[in-house]
Amino acid sequence: MPGEFAGKVAVITGGSRGIGREIAAEFAREGAQTVIVSSSAENLASADKTIAAAGGPAPLAIAADLRTLDGCRQVFDRVKQQFNACDILVCSAGATRAGNFVDLPDEAWIDGYALKLFGCVRMCRLFWPMLKAAQGFVVNIGGGAARSPGADFTIGASVNAAMGNFSKALSQLGKRDGVNVNVVHPGATETERFFQLVEQRAKASGKSVDQLKQEASARDGVRRLGKPGDVAALALFLCSEKGRHIQGTPIAVDAGPTVANNSFTAGLPPDAKLLADARRVRHLLHLSDAVGDDLGQLTHRLA
C-alpha cells in the first residue's frame, strides 16, 4: 500500500507508546500526516522522534487528558485549526488496573472507563462529521480480555467488551454515513503497558512475573508474545481501500487463544456443545410446548 495514505490525516490516541506509537509510525511511513495524542508530554517528545525517523511527515503531538471532555475538545480544536480534516481515527488510549477484584476501588473503575471508553466515545463523536466528509475509517483498539476475561482483570475486560459493543453499534451509523468502524482485540503484546499489567497481576496472585509469563504461554499455546507491529499492520489494512468491505468487525490479534465467543460451550466436544446449546435455548427462551417437545427429543437422542 505504498503512498495510499499520502495526504491523509490520521489521529491516533495513545500514540506516544506501545501499539499506538507503532500504528502512528506505520501510517507516517506510508505518507500520512499523523496526529499523536497522549497525556504525557515527555512520552510524546520521545515518540515524535521515533515516528519522524520512520519517514513521512513529522507528527503533530498534542498533550491532552482524554479522560475529560475538555481534553477531547482540545485535540479536536487543534486538528481542526491545523488541518480542518480527519480521514482516520485510531483510539488506542487506555490503561486499566489489574488486581484482586475486592481490592479495586470505585476510583480505579471510573478512571478505566473515563479514558478508554468515554475517551473513545467522545473522540468518535467529535470527529464524526470530518470522518463522514472524508468517507473515513475508525479503528478502536480493545483487548483480548473483552472475550476471554480473567478474575484479576475485571476492569479491563469489561471496558474492552464495552468498547467492542460500542464499535459494533457505531458501525451501523457508519454504514449509512460511509465511515468504516472496526475494533481490534490484541492478545498479550510486548509493550510497556503489558509488563506493567504483569507486575500488577503478580502482586495480586502472589506469583512471580516469570511464572505468570510461563503460565500464559503454556495456557495459550502461543509461540511468542505479540508485537506492536502485528496490530499496526492490521490497522493499516483496515484503513485502506482493500479493507473497505470490513465493517463492524471485532478482530483478534492473539495467535489463536480466542477460539469462541461463547464461553458457556467453548472447549466442549461437538455433541456435548449441541446438547448444551439445546438445553440453554429451551431454558432461556421459554419456547412453546411444540418447539420444546422437538428440543426435548433432540436432547434425549444426544444424552
C-alpha atoms as a PDB file:
ATOM      1  CA  MET A   1       0.000   0.000   0.000  1.00  0.00           C
ATOM      2  CA  PRO A   2       2.864   2.447  -0.668  1.00  0.00           C
ATOM      3  CA  GLY A   3       1.636   6.007  -0.823  1.00  0.00           C
ATOM      4  CA  GLU A   4      -2.026   5.153  -0.276  1.00  0.00           C
ATOM      5  CA  PHE A   5      -2.158   7.308   2.839  1.00  0.00           C
ATOM      6  CA  ALA A   6      -0.308  10.292   1.398  1.00  0.00           C
ATOM      7  CA  GLY A   7      -2.254  13.438   2.191  1.00  0.00           C
ATOM      8  CA  LYS A   8      -4.457  11.675   4.744  1.00  0.00           C
ATOM      9  CA  VAL A   9      -4.760  12.914   8.326  1.00  0.00           C
ATOM     10  CA  ALA A  10      -4.617  10.113  10.894  1.00  0.00           C
ATOM     11  CA  VAL A  11      -5.365  10.882  14.553  1.00  0.00           C
ATOM     12  CA  ILE A  12      -4.006   8.266  16.950  1.00  0.00           C
ATOM     13  CA  THR A  13      -4.823   8.456  20.639  1.00  0.00           C
ATOM     14  CA  GLY A  14      -2.388   6.717  22.940  1.00  0.00           C
ATOM     15  CA  GLY A  15       0.133   7.416  20.203  1.00  0.00           C
ATOM     16  CA  SER A  16       3.122   8.022  22.442  1.00  0.00           C
ATOM     17  CA  ARG A  17       3.814   4.412  23.436  1.00  0.00           C
ATOM     18  CA  GLY A  18       3.310   0.788  22.531  1.00  0.00           C
ATOM     19  CA  ILE A  19       0.709  -0.174  19.960  1.00  0.00           C
ATOM     20  CA  GLY A  20      -0.437   3.401  19.313  1.00  0.00           C
ATOM     21  CA  ARG A  21       3.097   4.608  18.619  1.00  0.00           C
ATOM     22  CA  GLU A  22       3.727   1.729  16.224  1.00  0.00           C
ATOM     23  CA  ILE A  23       0.485   2.414  14.368  1.00  0.00           C
ATOM     24  CA  ALA A  24       1.426   6.082  14.031  1.00  0.00           C
ATOM     25  CA  ALA A  25       4.894   5.171  12.740  1.00  0.00           C
ATOM     26  CA  GLU A  26       3.426   2.861  10.114  1.00  0.00           C
ATOM     27  CA  PHE A  27       0.945   5.477   8.915  1.00  0.00           C
ATOM     28  CA  ALA A  28       3.746   8.054   8.717  1.00  0.00           C
ATOM     29  CA  ARG A  29       5.891   5.604   6.770  1.00  0.00           C
ATOM     30  CA  GLU A  30       3.042   5.305   4.250  1.00  0.00           C
ATOM     31  CA  GLY A  31       2.799   9.073   3.862  1.00  0.00           C
ATOM     32  CA  ALA A  32       0.015  10.041   6.285  1.00  0.00           C
ATOM     33  CA  GLN A  33       0.068  13.188   8.370  1.00  0.00           C
ATOM     34  CA  THR A  34      -0.168  11.729  11.863  1.00  0.00           C
ATOM     35  CA  VAL A  35      -1.519  13.362  14.997  1.00  0.00           C
ATOM     36  CA  ILE A  36      -0.430  11.618  18.170  1.00  0.00           C
ATOM     37  CA  VAL A  37      -2.212  12.242  21.457  1.00  0.00           C
ATOM     38  CA  SER A  38      -1.140  11.438  24.991  1.00  0.00           C
ATOM     39  CA  SER A  39      -1.361  12.926  28.460  1.00  0.00           C
ATOM     40  CA  SER A  40       2.440  12.747  28.787  1.00  0.00           C
ATOM     41  CA  ALA A  41       4.445  15.472  27.071  1.00  0.00           C
ATOM     42  CA  GLU A  42       7.630  13.529  27.840  1.00  0.00           C
ATOM     43  CA  ASN A  43       6.380  10.376  26.119  1.00  0.00           C
ATOM     44  CA  LEU A  44       5.152  12.435  23.168  1.00  0.00           C
ATOM     45  CA  ALA A  45       8.583  14.005  22.710  1.00  0.00           C
ATOM     46  CA  SER A  46      10.173  10.555  22.558  1.00  0.00           C
ATOM     47  CA  ALA A  47       7.502   9.207  20.204  1.00  0.00           C
ATOM     48  CA  ASP A  48       7.874  12.238  17.953  1.00  0.00           C
ATOM     49  CA  LYS A  49      11.491  11.259  17.262  1.00  0.00           C
ATOM     50  CA  THR A  50      10.603   7.602  16.679  1.00  0.00           C
ATOM     51  CA  ILE A  51       7.803   8.417  14.227  1.00  0.00           C
ATOM     52  CA  ALA A  52       9.816  11.076  12.402  1.00  0.00           C
ATOM     53  CA  ALA A  53      12.574   8.511  11.914  1.00  0.00           C
ATOM     54  CA  ALA A  54      10.092   6.223  10.162  1.00  0.00           C
ATOM     55  CA  GLY A  55       9.858   8.739   7.318  1.00  0.00           C
ATOM     56  CA  GLY A  56       6.962  10.762   6.039  1.00  0.00           C
ATOM     57  CA  PRO A  57       5.552  13.972   7.523  1.00  0.00           C
ATOM     58  CA  ALA A  58       6.554  14.891  11.062  1.00  0.00           C
ATOM     59  CA  PRO A  59       3.748  14.134  13.521  1.00  0.00           C
ATOM     60  CA  LEU A  60       1.695  16.749  15.297  1.00  0.00           C
ATOM     61  CA  ALA A  61       1.934  15.898  19.008  1.00  0.00           C
ATOM     62  CA  ILE A  62      -0.857  17.026  21.338  1.00  0.00           C
ATOM     63  CA  ALA A  63      -0.721  16.613  25.100  1.00  0.00           C
ATOM     64  CA  ALA A  64      -4.258  16.263  26.440  1.00  0.00           C
ATOM     65  CA  ASP A  65      -6.172  14.374  29.108  1.00  0.00           C
ATOM     66  CA  LEU A  66      -8.712  12.312  27.181  1.00  0.00           C
ATOM     67  CA  ARG A  67     -10.453  11.291  30.388  1.00  0.00           C
ATOM     68  CA  THR A  68     -12.243  14.634  30.177  1.00  0.00           C
ATOM     69  CA  LEU A  69     -14.471  16.191  27.562  1.00  0.00           C
ATOM     70  CA  ASP A  70     -12.333  19.342  27.630  1.00  0.00           C
ATOM     71  CA  GLY A  71      -9.254  17.287  26.789  1.00  0.00           C
ATOM     72  CA  CYS A  72     -11.001  15.656  23.826  1.00  0.00           C
ATOM     73  CA  ARG A  73     -12.223  19.040  22.613  1.00  0.00           C
ATOM     74  CA  GLN A  74      -8.689  20.388  22.892  1.00  0.00           C
ATOM     75  CA  VAL A  75      -7.493  17.718  20.460  1.00  0.00           C
ATOM     76  CA  PHE A  76     -10.380  18.286  18.052  1.00  0.00           C
ATOM     77  CA  ASP A  77      -9.922  22.069  18.039  1.00  0.00           C
ATOM     78  CA  ARG A  78      -6.201  21.730  17.338  1.00  0.00           C
ATOM     79  CA  VAL A  79      -6.738  19.303  14.458  1.00  0.00           C
ATOM     80  CA  LYS A  80      -9.494  21.478  13.005  1.00  0.00           C
ATOM     81  CA  GLN A  81      -7.310  24.558  13.220  1.00  0.00           C
ATOM     82  CA  GLN A  82      -4.256  22.857  11.734  1.00  0.00           C
ATOM     83  CA  PHE A  83      -5.777  20.596   9.057  1.00  0.00           C
ATOM     84  CA  ASN A  84      -9.575  21.011   9.103  1.00  0.00           C
ATOM     85  CA  ALA A  85      -9.775  17.309   8.261  1.00  0.00           C
ATOM     86  CA  CYS A  86      -9.588  13.830   9.740  1.00  0.00           C
ATOM     87  CA  ASP A  87      -9.527  10.768   7.491  1.00  0.00           C
ATOM     88  CA  ILE A  88      -8.601   8.161  10.093  1.00  0.00           C
ATOM     89  CA  LEU A  89      -9.211   7.913  13.827  1.00  0.00           C
ATOM     90  CA  VAL A  90      -7.454   5.239  15.863  1.00  0.00           C
ATOM     91  CA  CYS A  91      -8.459   5.086  19.532  1.00  0.00           C
ATOM     92  CA  SER A  92      -5.632   3.310  21.318  1.00  0.00           C
ATOM     93  CA  ALA A  93      -5.530   5.244  24.594  1.00  0.00           C
ATOM     94  CA  GLY A  94      -6.366   3.321  27.723  1.00  0.00           C
ATOM     95  CA  ALA A  95      -4.777   1.974  30.868  1.00  0.00           C
ATOM     96  CA  THR A  96      -6.913  -0.034  33.269  1.00  0.00           C
ATOM     97  CA  ARG A  97      -5.667  -1.530  36.511  1.00  0.00           C
ATOM     98  CA  ALA A  98      -5.348  -5.234  37.173  1.00  0.00           C
ATOM     99  CA  GLY A  99      -5.635  -6.766  40.624  1.00  0.00           C
ATOM    100  CA  ASN A 100      -7.894  -8.554  43.081  1.00  0.00           C
ATOM    101  CA  PHE A 101     -11.496  -7.587  42.396  1.00  0.00           C
ATOM    102  CA  VAL A 102     -12.322  -6.809  46.037  1.00  0.00           C
ATOM    103  CA  ASP A 103      -9.280  -4.532  46.292  1.00  0.00           C
ATOM    104  CA  LEU A 104     -10.120  -2.347  43.285  1.00  0.00           C
ATOM    105  CA  PRO A 105     -11.877   0.846  44.430  1.00  0.00           C
ATOM    106  CA  ASP A 106     -14.502   2.804  42.546  1.00  0.00           C
ATOM    107  CA  GLU A 107     -11.862   5.313  41.506  1.00  0.00           C
ATOM    108  CA  ALA A 108      -9.990   2.623  39.551  1.00  0.00           C
ATOM    109  CA  TRP A 109     -13.160   1.648  37.691  1.00  0.00           C
ATOM    110  CA  ILE A 110     -14.117   5.246  36.963  1.00  0.00           C
ATOM    111  CA  ASP A 111     -10.611   6.065  35.729  1.00  0.00           C
ATOM    112  CA  GLY A 112     -10.501   2.992  33.494  1.00  0.00           C
ATOM    113  CA  TYR A 113     -13.812   3.780  31.841  1.00  0.00           C
ATOM    114  CA  ALA A 114     -13.093   7.509  31.619  1.00  0.00           C
ATOM    115  CA  LEU A 115     -10.024   7.118  29.424  1.00  0.00           C
ATOM    116  CA  LYS A 116     -10.549   4.029  27.325  1.00  0.00           C
ATOM    117  CA  LEU A 117     -14.312   4.007  26.787  1.00  0.00           C
ATOM    118  CA  PHE A 118     -15.513   7.581  27.247  1.00  0.00           C
ATOM    119  CA  GLY A 119     -12.384   8.996  25.628  1.00  0.00           C
ATOM    120  CA  CYS A 120     -13.107   6.794  22.615  1.00  0.00           C
ATOM    121  CA  VAL A 121     -16.802   7.717  22.543  1.00  0.00           C
ATOM    122  CA  ARG A 122     -16.087  11.445  22.738  1.00  0.00           C
ATOM    123  CA  MET A 123     -13.365  11.388  20.101  1.00  0.00           C
ATOM    124  CA  CYS A 124     -15.611   9.460  17.710  1.00  0.00           C
ATOM    125  CA  ARG A 125     -18.466  11.888  18.331  1.00  0.00           C
ATOM    126  CA  LEU A 126     -16.342  14.999  17.860  1.00  0.00           C
ATOM    127  CA  PHE A 127     -14.573  13.790  14.730  1.00  0.00           C
ATOM    128  CA  TRP A 128     -17.560  12.061  13.126  1.00  0.00           C
ATOM    129  CA  PRO A 129     -18.525  14.965  10.817  1.00  0.00           C
ATOM    130  CA  MET A 130     -14.951  15.100   9.467  1.00  0.00           C
ATOM    131  CA  LEU A 131     -14.824  11.327   9.102  1.00  0.00           C
ATOM    132  CA  LYS A 132     -18.161  11.363   7.291  1.00  0.00           C
ATOM    133  CA  ALA A 133     -16.970  14.071   4.917  1.00  0.00           C
ATOM    134  CA  ALA A 134     -13.809  12.070   4.199  1.00  0.00           C
ATOM    135  CA  GLN A 135     -15.597   8.702   3.979  1.00  0.00           C
ATOM    136  CA  GLY A 136     -13.002   7.707   6.524  1.00  0.00           C
ATOM    137  CA  PHE A 137     -12.125   4.984   8.973  1.00  0.00           C
ATOM    138  CA  VAL A 138     -12.267   4.329  12.713  1.00  0.00           C
ATOM    139  CA  VAL A 139     -10.204   1.591  14.356  1.00  0.00           C
ATOM    140  CA  ASN A 140     -10.683   1.112  18.083  1.00  0.00           C
ATOM    141  CA  ILE A 141      -8.062  -0.882  19.971  1.00  0.00           C
ATOM    142  CA  GLY A 142      -9.716  -3.033  22.621  1.00  0.00           C
ATOM    143  CA  GLY A 143      -8.132  -6.136  24.101  1.00  0.00           C
ATOM    144  CA  GLY A 144      -8.398  -9.905  24.200  1.00  0.00           C
ATOM    145  CA  ALA A 145      -9.926  -9.779  27.677  1.00  0.00           C
ATOM    146  CA  ALA A 146     -13.124  -8.495  26.039  1.00  0.00           C
ATOM    147  CA  ARG A 147     -13.832 -12.100  25.062  1.00  0.00           C
ATOM    148  CA  SER A 148     -11.595 -14.013  27.460  1.00  0.00           C
ATOM    149  CA  PRO A 149     -11.996 -12.224  30.819  1.00  0.00           C
ATOM    150  CA  GLY A 150      -9.995 -13.082  33.913  1.00  0.00           C
ATOM    151  CA  ALA A 151     -10.777 -12.544  37.580  1.00  0.00           C
ATOM    152  CA  ASP A 152      -7.680 -10.389  38.021  1.00  0.00           C
ATOM    153  CA  PHE A 153      -8.572  -8.079  35.117  1.00  0.00           C
ATOM    154  CA  THR A 154     -12.223  -7.252  35.708  1.00  0.00           C
ATOM    155  CA  ILE A 155     -11.928  -3.565  34.821  1.00  0.00           C
ATOM    156  CA  GLY A 156     -10.019  -4.056  31.604  1.00  0.00           C
ATOM    157  CA  ALA A 157     -12.186  -6.957  30.484  1.00  0.00           C
ATOM    158  CA  SER A 158     -15.432  -5.054  30.960  1.00  0.00           C
ATOM    159  CA  VAL A 159     -14.083  -1.853  29.383  1.00  0.00           C
ATOM    160  CA  ASN A 160     -12.825  -3.764  26.353  1.00  0.00           C
ATOM    161  CA  ALA A 161     -16.146  -5.552  25.981  1.00  0.00           C
ATOM    162  CA  ALA A 162     -17.966  -2.217  26.166  1.00  0.00           C
ATOM    163  CA  MET A 163     -15.641  -0.780  23.525  1.00  0.00           C
ATOM    164  CA  GLY A 164     -16.366  -3.731  21.259  1.00  0.00           C
ATOM    165  CA  ASN A 165     -20.124  -3.292  21.657  1.00  0.00           C
ATOM    166  CA  PHE A 166     -19.879   0.469  21.101  1.00  0.00           C
ATOM    167  CA  SER A 167     -17.833  -0.103  17.946  1.00  0.00           C
ATOM    168  CA  LYS A 168     -20.416  -2.511  16.575  1.00  0.00           C
ATOM    169  CA  ALA A 169     -23.229  -0.067  17.290  1.00  0.00           C
ATOM    170  CA  LEU A 170     -21.310   2.831  15.725  1.00  0.00           C
ATOM    171  CA  SER A 171     -20.618   0.763  12.626  1.00  0.00           C
ATOM    172  CA  GLN A 172     -24.355   0.721  11.932  1.00  0.00           C
ATOM    173  CA  LEU A 173     -24.234   4.511  11.664  1.00  0.00           C
ATOM    174  CA  GLY A 174     -21.045   4.105   9.677  1.00  0.00           C
ATOM    175  CA  LYS A 175     -22.864   2.042   7.050  1.00  0.00           C
ATOM    176  CA  ARG A 176     -25.208   4.963   6.469  1.00  0.00           C
ATOM    177  CA  ASP A 177     -22.556   7.682   6.612  1.00  0.00           C
ATOM    178  CA  GLY A 178     -19.789   5.884   4.721  1.00  0.00           C
ATOM    179  CA  VAL A 179     -17.402   5.510   7.669  1.00  0.00           C
ATOM    180  CA  ASN A 180     -15.847   2.129   8.384  1.00  0.00           C
ATOM    181  CA  VAL A 181     -15.704   1.241  12.088  1.00  0.00           C
ATOM    182  CA  ASN A 182     -13.902  -1.844  13.382  1.00  0.00           C
ATOM    183  CA  VAL A 183     -12.331  -2.964  16.641  1.00  0.00           C
ATOM    184  CA  VAL A 184      -9.084  -4.864  17.140  1.00  0.00           C
ATOM    185  CA  HIS A 185      -8.557  -7.056  20.201  1.00  0.00           C
ATOM    186  CA  PRO A 186      -4.818  -7.639  20.725  1.00  0.00           C
ATOM    187  CA  GLY A 187      -3.687 -10.512  22.899  1.00  0.00           C
ATOM    188  CA  ALA A 188      -0.583 -10.359  25.080  1.00  0.00           C
ATOM    189  CA  THR A 189       1.648  -7.857  23.285  1.00  0.00           C
ATOM    190  CA  GLU A 190       5.146  -6.725  24.206  1.00  0.00           C
ATOM    191  CA  THR A 191       4.570  -3.142  25.271  1.00  0.00           C
ATOM    192  CA  GLU A 192       5.393  -1.085  28.329  1.00  0.00           C
ATOM    193  CA  ARG A 193       1.772  -1.454  29.349  1.00  0.00           C
ATOM    194  CA  PHE A 194       1.878  -5.266  29.119  1.00  0.00           C
ATOM    195  CA  PHE A 195       4.789  -5.586  31.512  1.00  0.00           C
ATOM    196  CA  GLN A 196       3.110  -3.164  33.907  1.00  0.00           C
ATOM    197  CA  LEU A 197      -0.004  -5.362  33.933  1.00  0.00           C
ATOM    198  CA  VAL A 198       2.050  -8.493  34.526  1.00  0.00           C
ATOM    199  CA  GLU A 199       3.612  -6.877  37.574  1.00  0.00           C
ATOM    200  CA  GLN A 200       0.159  -5.918  38.910  1.00  0.00           C
ATOM    201  CA  ARG A 201      -1.132  -9.441  38.377  1.00  0.00           C
ATOM    202  CA  ALA A 202       1.946 -10.912  40.048  1.00  0.00           C
ATOM    203  CA  LYS A 203       1.288  -8.779  43.114  1.00  0.00           C
ATOM    204  CA  ALA A 204      -2.374  -9.813  43.200  1.00  0.00           C
ATOM    205  CA  SER A 205      -1.670 -13.530  42.754  1.00  0.00           C
ATOM    206  CA  GLY A 206       1.487 -13.866  44.827  1.00  0.00           C
ATOM    207  CA  LYS A 207       3.296 -15.378  41.842  1.00  0.00           C
ATOM    208  CA  SER A 208       6.469 -14.159  40.180  1.00  0.00           C
ATOM    209  CA  VAL A 209       6.458 -12.253  36.908  1.00  0.00           C
ATOM    210  CA  ASP A 210       8.393 -15.050  35.170  1.00  0.00           C
ATOM    211  CA  GLN A 211       5.937 -17.649  36.446  1.00  0.00           C
ATOM    212  CA  LEU A 212       2.976 -15.700  35.088  1.00  0.00           C
ATOM    213  CA  LYS A 213       4.645 -15.349  31.680  1.00  0.00           C
ATOM    214  CA  GLN A 214       5.343 -19.079  31.516  1.00  0.00           C
ATOM    215  CA  GLU A 215       1.793 -19.924  32.589  1.00  0.00           C
ATOM    216  CA  ALA A 216       0.339 -17.572  29.980  1.00  0.00           C
ATOM    217  CA  SER A 217       2.404 -19.104  27.181  1.00  0.00           C
ATOM    218  CA  ALA A 218       1.534 -22.645  28.274  1.00  0.00           C
ATOM    219  CA  ARG A 219      -2.166 -21.845  28.629  1.00  0.00           C
ATOM    220  CA  ASP A 220      -2.488 -20.032  25.325  1.00  0.00           C
ATOM    221  CA  GLY A 221      -0.141 -22.313  23.402  1.00  0.00           C
ATOM    222  CA  VAL A 222       1.464 -19.404  21.556  1.00  0.00           C
ATOM    223  CA  ARG A 223       4.986 -19.435  20.166  1.00  0.00           C
ATOM    224  CA  ARG A 224       5.726 -15.848  21.143  1.00  0.00           C
ATOM    225  CA  LEU A 225       4.152 -12.759  22.583  1.00  0.00           C
ATOM    226  CA  GLY A 226       2.581 -10.363  20.132  1.00  0.00           C
ATOM    227  CA  LYS A 227       4.448  -7.330  18.878  1.00  0.00           C
ATOM    228  CA  PRO A 228       3.010  -3.838  18.290  1.00  0.00           C
ATOM    229  CA  GLY A 229       3.789  -4.233  14.600  1.00  0.00           C
ATOM    230  CA  ASP A 230       1.334  -7.135  14.380  1.00  0.00           C
ATOM    231  CA  VAL A 231      -1.517  -4.832  15.352  1.00  0.00           C
ATOM    232  CA  ALA A 232      -0.222  -1.903  13.291  1.00  0.00           C
ATOM    233  CA  ALA A 233      -0.205  -3.968  10.099  1.00  0.00           C
ATOM    234  CA  LEU A 234      -3.864  -4.857  10.598  1.00  0.00           C
ATOM    235  CA  ALA A 235      -4.825  -1.266  11.444  1.00  0.00           C
ATOM    236  CA  LEU A 236      -3.319  -0.028   8.177  1.00  0.00           C
ATOM    237  CA  PHE A 237      -5.159  -2.670   6.189  1.00  0.00           C
ATOM    238  CA  LEU A 238      -8.477  -1.839   7.849  1.00  0.00           C
ATOM    239  CA  CYS A 239      -7.975   1.816   6.909  1.00  0.00           C
ATOM    240  CA  SER A 240      -7.119   1.050   3.297  1.00  0.00           C
ATOM    241  CA  GLU A 241      -9.486   0.682   0.361  1.00  0.00           C
ATOM    242  CA  LYS A 242      -8.630  -3.025   0.343  1.00  0.00           C
ATOM    243  CA  GLY A 243     -10.272  -3.250   3.763  1.00  0.00           C
ATOM    244  CA  ARG A 244     -13.329  -1.183   2.851  1.00  0.00           C
ATOM    245  CA  HIS A 245     -15.675  -4.190   2.910  1.00  0.00           C
ATOM    246  CA  ILE A 246     -14.800  -4.962   6.545  1.00  0.00           C
ATOM    247  CA  GLN A 247     -17.339  -3.163   8.717  1.00  0.00           C
ATOM    248  CA  GLY A 248     -18.344  -3.573  12.365  1.00  0.00           C
ATOM    249  CA  THR A 249     -15.980  -6.485  12.882  1.00  0.00           C
ATOM    250  CA  PRO A 250     -14.044  -7.417  16.041  1.00  0.00           C
ATOM    251  CA  ILE A 251     -10.712  -8.955  15.054  1.00  0.00           C
ATOM    252  CA  ALA A 252      -8.377 -10.767  17.453  1.00  0.00           C
ATOM    253  CA  VAL A 253      -4.611 -10.433  17.003  1.00  0.00           C
ATOM    254  CA  ASP A 254      -3.583 -13.005  19.598  1.00  0.00           C
ATOM    255  CA  ALA A 255      -2.065 -16.020  17.784  1.00  0.00           C
ATOM    256  CA  GLY A 256      -5.194 -18.063  18.368  1.00  0.00           C
ATOM    257  CA  PRO A 257      -6.128 -18.408  22.069  1.00  0.00           C
ATOM    258  CA  THR A 258      -9.598 -16.923  21.471  1.00  0.00           C
ATOM    259  CA  VAL A 259     -11.429 -19.879  19.926  1.00  0.00           C
ATOM    260  CA  ALA A 260     -15.052 -18.946  20.613  1.00  0.00           C
ATOM    261  CA  ASN A 261     -17.170 -16.054  21.793  1.00  0.00           C
ATOM    262  CA  ASN A 262     -19.437 -18.449  23.670  1.00  0.00           C
ATOM    263  CA  SER A 263     -17.649 -19.220  26.931  1.00  0.00           C
ATOM    264  CA  PHE A 264     -20.551 -21.435  28.050  1.00  0.00           C
ATOM    265  CA  THR A 265     -19.783 -24.121  25.467  1.00  0.00           C
ATOM    266  CA  ALA A 266     -16.192 -23.293  24.468  1.00  0.00           C
ATOM    267  CA  GLY A 267     -13.986 -26.383  24.578  1.00  0.00           C
ATOM    268  CA  LEU A 268     -16.803 -28.929  24.674  1.00  0.00           C
ATOM    269  CA  PRO A 269     -16.887 -31.747  22.099  1.00  0.00           C
ATOM    270  CA  PRO A 270     -19.404 -31.155  19.266  1.00  0.00           C
ATOM    271  CA  ASP A 271     -22.183 -33.425  20.583  1.00  0.00           C
ATOM    272  CA  ALA A 272     -21.893 -32.045  24.112  1.00  0.00           C
ATOM    273  CA  LYS A 273     -21.862 -28.496  22.767  1.00  0.00           C
ATOM    274  CA  LEU A 274     -25.033 -29.128  20.753  1.00  0.00           C
ATOM    275  CA  LEU A 275     -26.705 -30.691  23.773  1.00  0.00           C
ATOM    276  CA  ALA A 276     -25.721 -27.764  25.989  1.00  0.00           C
ATOM    277  CA  ASP A 277     -26.918 -25.258  23.396  1.00  0.00           C
ATOM    278  CA  ALA A 278     -30.267 -27.036  23.028  1.00  0.00           C
ATOM    279  CA  ARG A 279     -30.840 -27.127  26.785  1.00  0.00           C
ATOM    280  CA  ARG A 280     -29.856 -23.497  27.192  1.00  0.00           C
ATOM    281  CA  VAL A 281     -32.080 -22.287  24.369  1.00  0.00           C
ATOM    282  CA  ARG A 282     -35.038 -24.167  25.833  1.00  0.00           C
ATOM    283  CA  HIS A 283     -34.407 -22.707  29.272  1.00  0.00           C
ATOM    284  CA  LEU A 284     -33.662 -19.121  28.317  1.00  0.00           C
ATOM    285  CA  LEU A 285     -36.132 -18.513  25.561  1.00  0.00           C
ATOM    286  CA  HIS A 286     -39.138 -20.275  27.177  1.00  0.00           C
ATOM    287  CA  LEU A 287     -40.065 -21.909  23.917  1.00  0.00           C
ATOM    288  CA  SER A 288     -43.574 -23.004  23.134  1.00  0.00           C
ATOM    289  CA  ASP A 289     -44.645 -26.525  24.020  1.00  0.00           C
ATOM    290  CA  ALA A 290     -44.366 -27.661  20.425  1.00  0.00           C
ATOM    291  CA  VAL A 291     -40.840 -26.380  19.962  1.00  0.00           C
ATOM    292  CA  GLY A 292     -39.964 -27.538  23.439  1.00  0.00           C
ATOM    293  CA  ASP A 293     -41.050 -31.059  22.544  1.00  0.00           C
ATOM    294  CA  ASP A 294     -38.796 -31.011  19.489  1.00  0.00           C
ATOM    295  CA  LEU A 295     -35.854 -29.865  21.570  1.00  0.00           C
ATOM    296  CA  GLY A 296     -36.699 -32.445  24.173  1.00  0.00           C
ATOM    297  CA  GLN A 297     -36.451 -35.187  21.556  1.00  0.00           C
ATOM    298  CA  LEU A 298     -33.133 -33.756  20.384  1.00  0.00           C
ATOM    299  CA  THR A 299     -31.638 -33.644  23.874  1.00  0.00           C
ATOM    300  CA  HIS A 300     -32.924 -37.162  24.566  1.00  0.00           C
ATOM    301  CA  ARG A 301     -31.172 -38.528  21.469  1.00  0.00           C
ATOM    302  CA  LEU A 302     -27.912 -36.776  22.337  1.00  0.00           C
ATOM    303  CA  ALA A 303     -27.919 -37.611  26.068  1.00  0.00           C
END
